[in-house]
Amino acid sequence: MRRRALPNALAGVLAAAVLTLVAACSGAADTAPAATPQAEATATPTATPDPFPRRPLTASTRYVALGDSFAAGMGGGNETGKCRSSSASYPDVFTEEAGIDLIVNAACSGATTSDLLRKQLVSLDDRTDLVTVSIGGNDLGVAAIAADCAAGKAASCRSQLTSALSLLNVLPERLATVYDAILQAAPNARIVVTGYALMYDASNPDAKDFGMAAAINAATIGLNQVIDDAVDAERAKGAPMTYVGVDFAGHAIGNAKPWVHTSGVDAFHPTADGYAEYAKQLVRRLGTAG
């Protein structure tokens, strides 16, 4: 595929990110004044308590997983049913490593925020101790993006990415509705929201298809920021929620051993190794049953 220019909307997102990074890296050295008046000592503000409580996991911790294909495990291998559920999904791997009780993985490939509200909340009750949720991507039409971009349909890929970015402004309200519904359905649970790993190594602007890779990463960054902000809004209200991002650095598309499928029905979904990395990050945040 020939390298194409990014559409204006995506180019703007990338340019802003680069300028912000440059400013952050060079601003302190280049803009610091020669001398400043000595600031008066001020009282250290009291730290705001973390609404996500430290709570040891046990063998009887009741865990429910919700979400889309990234939670169902699509691409992990040996998928079953219309939801493309895999035993290599991060909820299954995390459960095994943490030594807790997975009541159900209700996640389903293709699920949107609306689908989660209609079909998955029934899995929760007041005995649920822990919930993980991966949702939001399908509200932006990521399935079509994956199909077109993986198939090398450059024009359609760019169009789908532009449409996805334009839909980001409707996602915060949808996520807030989902998070509030989960909190109501599982009033005693802690909730962990997972982000979406970047698919590409877009570090080399001279690489083949750099434009598409950078655009897809930019869209993913935008999606993750919206999700993270929505979680922060719930935390500000005292909800026991936290956001966990996952990094495939060194194992993205373009690296020697990617943790991402590059073609076929599973395109742009993690491999079993990718889902294992998700589980690793959950263990890092939550610990294991002692």
Foldseek 3Di string as FASTA:
>chain_A
DFADAAPPVLVVLVVVVVVVVVCVVCVVPPPDDPDDPDDDDDDDDDDDDFLQDQDAAAQAQEEEEEEACQQQVQQADPFDDQQRHDCLRLVNLLCVVQNYHYPYHQYGHLDALVNCVVPPLVSFAQSHAEYEYEHDPNLLPVLQLLACVLVVVVVSNSVSLVSSVVCLVVRLVSVLVSVVSNCVRHVNYAYEYEAAEQAADLPDVPDGNSNSSSSSNSSSVSRRVSVQVSQVVVVVVSHNYHYFYFYQVQAHPVHPHHQADRDDSRHRHGYSVRSSRVSVRVCVVRNHHD
